[in-house]
């Protein structure tokens, strides 16, 4: 199992940073707005952050154009159909996010992985509405994903070994280190990761 195409549901600053991190390694990514609204702001965020990358010397102008061309935008959750990995990264209370996850799952192909950008201890509550818990994981990115190199990989007891292996490989492709956490793990922050006390 590998991820050749990615959709990110959510259009806030965190989602935009993840989209750029994914596009930089050559993977096409679709940014999908979770709720109604204009996508102009999300695209402005993408362009602004890419501009910062050029100003900082992390990308040159031709590279910026290539990365930008890999990022698409959609308003309809049906756009996740065909993606190998869908990461729900919207904001809001658990009830609303469960509804979004259930809708996303209804559009996924049989082999696709559904991930959510939350701490591992939130996974059981969010998974309550899902039929395929074996293909559900947490992938908590720290902001900005373009410059932080750790990902909390949250696992349910039901998560399939092949899904875990694919997510580990994907993090490696992004030049990020996956730190695996189970659904019963206590809450920790980025500082604990950095100091090795997690």
C-alpha atoms as a PDB file:
ATOM      1  CA  UNK A   1       0.000   0.000   0.000  1.00  0.00           C
ATOM      2  CA  UNK A   2       1.315   3.456  -0.920  1.00  0.00           C
ATOM      3  CA  UNK A   3      -0.159   6.918  -1.273  1.00  0.00           C
ATOM      4  CA  UNK A   4       0.073   8.331  -4.783  1.00  0.00           C
ATOM      5  CA  UNK A   5      -2.648  10.948  -4.311  1.00  0.00           C
ATOM      6  CA  UNK A   6      -3.775  12.789  -1.201  1.00  0.00           C
ATOM      7  CA  UNK A   7      -6.806  14.860  -0.257  1.00  0.00           C
ATOM      8  CA  UNK A   8      -6.844  17.170   2.753  1.00  0.00           C
ATOM      9  CA  UNK A   9     -10.255  18.147   4.077  1.00  0.00           C
ATOM     10  CA  UNK A  10     -10.026  21.576   5.645  1.00  0.00           C
ATOM     11  CA  UNK A  11      -8.737  24.863   4.301  1.00  0.00           C
ATOM     12  CA  UNK A  12      -7.229  26.606   7.319  1.00  0.00           C
ATOM     13  CA  UNK A  13      -3.572  27.518   7.873  1.00  0.00           C
ATOM     14  CA  UNK A  14      -2.666  24.059   9.209  1.00  0.00           C
ATOM     15  CA  UNK A  15      -4.248  22.276   6.235  1.00  0.00           C
ATOM     16  CA  UNK A  16      -2.522  24.604   3.785  1.00  0.00           C
ATOM     17  CA  UNK A  17       0.860  23.931   5.389  1.00  0.00           C
ATOM     18  CA  UNK A  18       0.311  20.175   5.145  1.00  0.00           C
ATOM     19  CA  UNK A  19      -0.732  20.505   1.498  1.00  0.00           C
ATOM     20  CA  UNK A  20       2.514  22.285   0.671  1.00  0.00           C
ATOM     21  CA  UNK A  21       4.594  19.696   2.552  1.00  0.00           C
ATOM     22  CA  UNK A  22       2.917  16.915   0.552  1.00  0.00           C
ATOM     23  CA  UNK A  23       3.182  18.709  -2.790  1.00  0.00           C
ATOM     24  CA  UNK A  24       6.890  19.392  -2.241  1.00  0.00           C
ATOM     25  CA  UNK A  25       7.668  15.661  -2.365  1.00  0.00           C
ATOM     26  CA  UNK A  26       5.922  15.239  -5.714  1.00  0.00           C
ATOM     27  CA  UNK A  27       2.508  14.008  -4.578  1.00  0.00           C
ATOM     28  CA  UNK A  28      -0.586  15.683  -6.047  1.00  0.00           C
ATOM     29  CA  UNK A  29      -2.863  16.979  -3.327  1.00  0.00           C
ATOM     30  CA  UNK A  30      -6.416  18.261  -3.351  1.00  0.00           C
ATOM     31  CA  UNK A  31      -7.410  20.714  -0.652  1.00  0.00           C
ATOM     32  CA  UNK A  32     -11.132  20.236   0.010  1.00  0.00           C
ATOM     33  CA  UNK A  33     -13.198  22.760   1.903  1.00  0.00           C
ATOM     34  CA  UNK A  34     -15.047  20.962   4.689  1.00  0.00           C
ATOM     35  CA  UNK A  35     -17.914  23.460   4.826  1.00  0.00           C
ATOM     36  CA  UNK A  36     -19.472  25.993   2.511  1.00  0.00           C
ATOM     37  CA  UNK A  37     -17.527  29.090   1.704  1.00  0.00           C
ATOM     38  CA  UNK A  38     -15.165  30.765  -0.693  1.00  0.00           C
ATOM     39  CA  UNK A  39     -11.893  28.983  -1.381  1.00  0.00           C
ATOM     40  CA  UNK A  40     -10.098  32.202  -2.285  1.00  0.00           C
ATOM     41  CA  UNK A  41      -8.632  32.625   1.200  1.00  0.00           C
ATOM     42  CA  UNK A  42      -7.167  29.109   1.198  1.00  0.00           C
ATOM     43  CA  UNK A  43      -5.476  29.661  -2.149  1.00  0.00           C
ATOM     44  CA  UNK A  44      -4.131  32.999  -0.923  1.00  0.00           C
ATOM     45  CA  UNK A  45      -2.691  31.203   2.113  1.00  0.00           C
ATOM     46  CA  UNK A  46      -0.999  28.673  -0.169  1.00  0.00           C
ATOM     47  CA  UNK A  47       0.498  31.376  -2.382  1.00  0.00           C
ATOM     48  CA  UNK A  48       1.594  33.477   0.597  1.00  0.00           C
ATOM     49  CA  UNK A  49       3.333  30.550   2.321  1.00  0.00           C
ATOM     50  CA  UNK A  50       5.048  29.530  -0.906  1.00  0.00           C
ATOM     51  CA  UNK A  51       6.240  33.109  -1.230  1.00  0.00           C
ATOM     52  CA  UNK A  52       7.749  32.872   2.241  1.00  0.00           C
ATOM     53  CA  UNK A  53       9.517  29.664   1.203  1.00  0.00           C
ATOM     54  CA  UNK A  54      11.068  31.471  -1.755  1.00  0.00           C
ATOM     55  CA  UNK A  55      12.067  34.467   0.393  1.00  0.00           C
ATOM     56  CA  UNK A  56      13.722  32.127   2.904  1.00  0.00           C
ATOM     57  CA  UNK A  57      15.672  30.354   0.179  1.00  0.00           C
ATOM     58  CA  UNK A  58      13.911  27.002   0.634  1.00  0.00           C
ATOM     59  CA  UNK A  59      12.474  27.121  -2.897  1.00  0.00           C
ATOM     60  CA  UNK A  60      13.395  28.988  -6.050  1.00  0.00           C
ATOM     61  CA  UNK A  61      10.746  30.426  -8.354  1.00  0.00           C
ATOM     62  CA  UNK A  62      10.627  27.456 -10.774  1.00  0.00           C
ATOM     63  CA  UNK A  63      10.285  25.041  -7.831  1.00  0.00           C
ATOM     64  CA  UNK A  64       7.550  27.209  -6.347  1.00  0.00           C
ATOM     65  CA  UNK A  65       5.596  27.009  -9.584  1.00  0.00           C
ATOM     66  CA  UNK A  66       5.937  23.218  -9.724  1.00  0.00           C
ATOM     67  CA  UNK A  67       4.771  22.778  -6.127  1.00  0.00           C
ATOM     68  CA  UNK A  68       1.839  25.139  -6.662  1.00  0.00           C
ATOM     69  CA  UNK A  69       0.754  23.231  -9.763  1.00  0.00           C
ATOM     70  CA  UNK A  70       0.415  20.043  -7.701  1.00  0.00           C
ATOM     71  CA  UNK A  71      -2.164  21.641  -5.356  1.00  0.00           C
ATOM     72  CA  UNK A  72      -5.782  21.624  -6.444  1.00  0.00           C
ATOM     73  CA  UNK A  73      -8.845  22.938  -4.620  1.00  0.00           C
ATOM     74  CA  UNK A  74     -12.379  21.556  -4.406  1.00  0.00           C
ATOM     75  CA  UNK A  75     -15.593  22.591  -2.635  1.00  0.00           C
ATOM     76  CA  UNK A  76     -17.288  19.180  -2.686  1.00  0.00           C
ATOM     77  CA  UNK A  77     -16.318  16.329  -0.353  1.00  0.00           C
ATOM     78  CA  UNK A  78     -16.950  14.003  -3.273  1.00  0.00           C
ATOM     79  CA  UNK A  79     -13.590  15.212  -4.622  1.00  0.00           C
ATOM     80  CA  UNK A  80     -11.832  12.834  -2.212  1.00  0.00           C
ATOM     81  CA  UNK A  81     -13.006   9.907  -4.331  1.00  0.00           C
ATOM     82  CA  UNK A  82      -9.964   8.283  -5.907  1.00  0.00           C
ATOM     83  CA  UNK A  83      -7.460   9.505  -3.292  1.00  0.00           C
ATOM     84  CA  UNK A  84      -5.262   6.926  -1.589  1.00  0.00           C
ATOM     85  CA  UNK A  85      -5.100   8.951   1.623  1.00  0.00           C
ATOM     86  CA  UNK A  86      -7.661  11.439   2.907  1.00  0.00           C
ATOM     87  CA  UNK A  87      -6.666  13.564   5.898  1.00  0.00           C
ATOM     88  CA  UNK A  88      -9.477  15.351   7.724  1.00  0.00           C
ATOM     89  CA  UNK A  89      -7.923  18.488   9.173  1.00  0.00           C
ATOM     90  CA  UNK A  90     -10.837  20.807   9.834  1.00  0.00           C
ATOM     91  CA  UNK A  91     -11.571  22.620  13.067  1.00  0.00           C
ATOM     92  CA  UNK A  92     -14.587  22.346  15.307  1.00  0.00           C
ATOM     93  CA  UNK A  93     -16.285  20.125  17.886  1.00  0.00           C
ATOM     94  CA  UNK A  94     -16.193  16.336  17.689  1.00  0.00           C
ATOM     95  CA  UNK A  95     -19.854  16.057  16.675  1.00  0.00           C
ATOM     96  CA  UNK A  96     -19.334  18.049  13.489  1.00  0.00           C
ATOM     97  CA  UNK A  97     -16.087  16.291  12.665  1.00  0.00           C
ATOM     98  CA  UNK A  98     -17.726  12.868  13.091  1.00  0.00           C
ATOM     99  CA  UNK A  99     -20.352  13.870  10.542  1.00  0.00           C
ATOM    100  CA  UNK A 100     -17.625  15.010   8.145  1.00  0.00           C
ATOM    101  CA  UNK A 101     -15.683  11.769   8.610  1.00  0.00           C
ATOM    102  CA  UNK A 102     -18.767   9.665   7.954  1.00  0.00           C
ATOM    103  CA  UNK A 103     -19.444  11.597   4.748  1.00  0.00           C
ATOM    104  CA  UNK A 104     -15.834  11.225   3.626  1.00  0.00           C
ATOM    105  CA  UNK A 105     -15.882   7.485   4.298  1.00  0.00           C
ATOM    106  CA  UNK A 106     -18.911   7.142   2.029  1.00  0.00           C
ATOM    107  CA  UNK A 107     -16.846   8.492  -0.881  1.00  0.00           C
ATOM    108  CA  UNK A 108     -13.676   6.441  -0.337  1.00  0.00           C
ATOM    109  CA  UNK A 109     -12.509   3.540  -2.456  1.00  0.00           C
ATOM    110  CA  UNK A 110     -12.065   0.190  -0.744  1.00  0.00           C
ATOM    111  CA  UNK A 111      -8.317   0.520  -0.213  1.00  0.00           C
ATOM    112  CA  UNK A 112      -8.133   4.169   0.792  1.00  0.00           C
ATOM    113  CA  UNK A 113      -6.921   5.255   4.235  1.00  0.00           C
ATOM    114  CA  UNK A 114      -8.847   7.834   6.255  1.00  0.00           C
ATOM    115  CA  UNK A 115      -6.774   9.885   8.682  1.00  0.00           C
ATOM    116  CA  UNK A 116      -7.611  12.711  11.045  1.00  0.00           C
ATOM    117  CA  UNK A 117      -5.337  15.466  12.317  1.00  0.00           C
ATOM    118  CA  UNK A 118      -5.950  15.087  16.072  1.00  0.00           C
ATOM    119  CA  UNK A 119      -4.243  13.735  19.160  1.00  0.00           C
ATOM    120  CA  UNK A 120      -4.470   9.966  19.557  1.00  0.00           C
ATOM    121  CA  UNK A 121      -6.776  10.003  22.571  1.00  0.00           C
ATOM    122  CA  UNK A 122      -9.561  11.588  20.468  1.00  0.00           C
ATOM    123  CA  UNK A 123      -9.631   8.701  17.977  1.00  0.00           C
ATOM    124  CA  UNK A 124     -12.171   6.386  19.686  1.00  0.00           C
ATOM    125  CA  UNK A 125     -14.783   9.151  19.888  1.00  0.00           C
ATOM    126  CA  UNK A 126     -14.308  10.111  16.242  1.00  0.00           C
ATOM    127  CA  UNK A 127     -14.258   6.495  15.055  1.00  0.00           C
ATOM    128  CA  UNK A 128     -17.700   5.734  16.509  1.00  0.00           C
ATOM    129  CA  UNK A 129     -19.431   6.623  13.228  1.00  0.00           C
ATOM    130  CA  UNK A 130     -17.040   4.727  10.933  1.00  0.00           C
ATOM    131  CA  UNK A 131     -17.563   1.301   9.406  1.00  0.00           C
ATOM    132  CA  UNK A 132     -13.928   0.674   8.439  1.00  0.00           C
ATOM    133  CA  UNK A 133     -12.041   1.352  11.637  1.00  0.00           C
ATOM    134  CA  UNK A 134      -9.188  -0.827  10.397  1.00  0.00           C
ATOM    135  CA  UNK A 135      -8.396   1.852   7.805  1.00  0.00           C
ATOM    136  CA  UNK A 136      -8.617   4.803  10.200  1.00  0.00           C
ATOM    137  CA  UNK A 137      -5.615   6.476  11.840  1.00  0.00           C
ATOM    138  CA  UNK A 138      -4.600   9.714  13.470  1.00  0.00           C
ATOM    139  CA  UNK A 139      -1.951  11.811  11.735  1.00  0.00           C
ATOM    140  CA  UNK A 140      -1.322  14.836  13.905  1.00  0.00           C
ATOM    141  CA  UNK A 141       0.903  17.354  12.141  1.00  0.00           C
ATOM    142  CA  UNK A 142       2.483  20.211  14.037  1.00  0.00           C
ATOM    143  CA  UNK A 143       2.173  23.674  12.509  1.00  0.00           C
ATOM    144  CA  UNK A 144       3.726  24.628  10.197  1.00  0.00           C
ATOM    145  CA  UNK A 145       4.091  21.199   8.607  1.00  0.00           C
ATOM    146  CA  UNK A 146       6.646  22.626   6.180  1.00  0.00           C
ATOM    147  CA  UNK A 147       9.133  23.106   9.018  1.00  0.00           C
ATOM    148  CA  UNK A 148       8.280  20.628  11.791  1.00  0.00           C
ATOM    149  CA  UNK A 149       9.576  17.107  11.385  1.00  0.00           C
ATOM    150  CA  UNK A 150       7.413  15.065  13.735  1.00  0.00           C
ATOM    151  CA  UNK A 151       4.023  13.482  13.150  1.00  0.00           C
ATOM    152  CA  UNK A 152       1.981  11.827  15.890  1.00  0.00           C
ATOM    153  CA  UNK A 153       0.695   8.622  14.316  1.00  0.00           C
ATOM    154  CA  UNK A 154      -2.374   7.685  16.346  1.00  0.00           C
ATOM    155  CA  UNK A 155      -3.512   4.074  16.263  1.00  0.00           C
ATOM    156  CA  UNK A 156      -6.703   2.321  17.249  1.00  0.00           C
ATOM    157  CA  UNK A 157      -6.646  -1.282  18.379  1.00  0.00           C
ATOM    158  CA  UNK A 158      -8.435  -2.026  15.076  1.00  0.00           C
ATOM    159  CA  UNK A 159      -5.961  -0.232  12.798  1.00  0.00           C
ATOM    160  CA  UNK A 160      -4.617  -2.695  10.213  1.00  0.00           C
ATOM    161  CA  UNK A 161      -0.840  -3.367  10.183  1.00  0.00           C
ATOM    162  CA  UNK A 162      -0.672  -2.555   6.463  1.00  0.00           C
ATOM    163  CA  UNK A 163      -2.222   0.851   7.105  1.00  0.00           C
ATOM    164  CA  UNK A 164       0.292   1.554   9.856  1.00  0.00           C
ATOM    165  CA  UNK A 165       3.187   0.544   7.576  1.00  0.00           C
ATOM    166  CA  UNK A 166       1.889   2.750   4.745  1.00  0.00           C
ATOM    167  CA  UNK A 167       1.528   5.748   7.075  1.00  0.00           C
ATOM    168  CA  UNK A 168       5.041   5.215   8.441  1.00  0.00           C
ATOM    169  CA  UNK A 169       6.414   5.100   4.892  1.00  0.00           C
ATOM    170  CA  UNK A 170       4.479   8.234   3.944  1.00  0.00           C
ATOM    171  CA  UNK A 171       5.918  10.149   6.898  1.00  0.00           C
ATOM    172  CA  UNK A 172       9.388   9.031   5.824  1.00  0.00           C
ATOM    173  CA  UNK A 173       8.664  10.267   2.296  1.00  0.00           C
ATOM    174  CA  UNK A 174       7.834  13.659   3.812  1.00  0.00           C
ATOM    175  CA  UNK A 175      11.161  13.534   5.705  1.00  0.00           C
ATOM    176  CA  UNK A 176       9.183  13.439   8.955  1.00  0.00           C
ATOM    177  CA  UNK A 177       9.500  11.103  11.916  1.00  0.00           C
ATOM    178  CA  UNK A 178       6.321   9.249  12.933  1.00  0.00           C
ATOM    179  CA  UNK A 179       5.868   8.831  16.678  1.00  0.00           C
ATOM    180  CA  UNK A 180       3.263   6.149  17.299  1.00  0.00           C
ATOM    181  CA  UNK A 181       0.657   6.685  19.983  1.00  0.00           C
ATOM    182  CA  UNK A 182      -2.219   4.430  20.933  1.00  0.00           C
ATOM    183  CA  UNK A 183      -5.785   5.551  21.572  1.00  0.00           C
ATOM    184  CA  UNK A 184      -5.166   5.323  25.332  1.00  0.00           C
ATOM    185  CA  UNK A 185      -2.061   7.528  25.295  1.00  0.00           C
ATOM    186  CA  UNK A 186      -2.045  10.621  27.489  1.00  0.00           C
ATOM    187  CA  UNK A 187      -1.979  14.032  25.864  1.00  0.00           C
ATOM    188  CA  UNK A 188       1.467  15.410  25.059  1.00  0.00           C
ATOM    189  CA  UNK A 189       2.756  18.440  23.206  1.00  0.00           C
ATOM    190  CA  UNK A 190       5.498  19.297  20.751  1.00  0.00           C
ATOM    191  CA  UNK A 191       7.879  20.342  23.518  1.00  0.00           C
ATOM    192  CA  UNK A 192       7.714  16.846  25.010  1.00  0.00           C
ATOM    193  CA  UNK A 193       8.571  15.405  21.600  1.00  0.00           C
ATOM    194  CA  UNK A 194      11.575  17.703  21.254  1.00  0.00           C
ATOM    195  CA  UNK A 195      12.919  16.977  24.735  1.00  0.00           C
ATOM    196  CA  UNK A 196      12.390  13.228  24.456  1.00  0.00           C
ATOM    197  CA  UNK A 197      10.079  13.063  27.465  1.00  0.00           C
ATOM    198  CA  UNK A 198       7.053  11.826  25.478  1.00  0.00           C
END
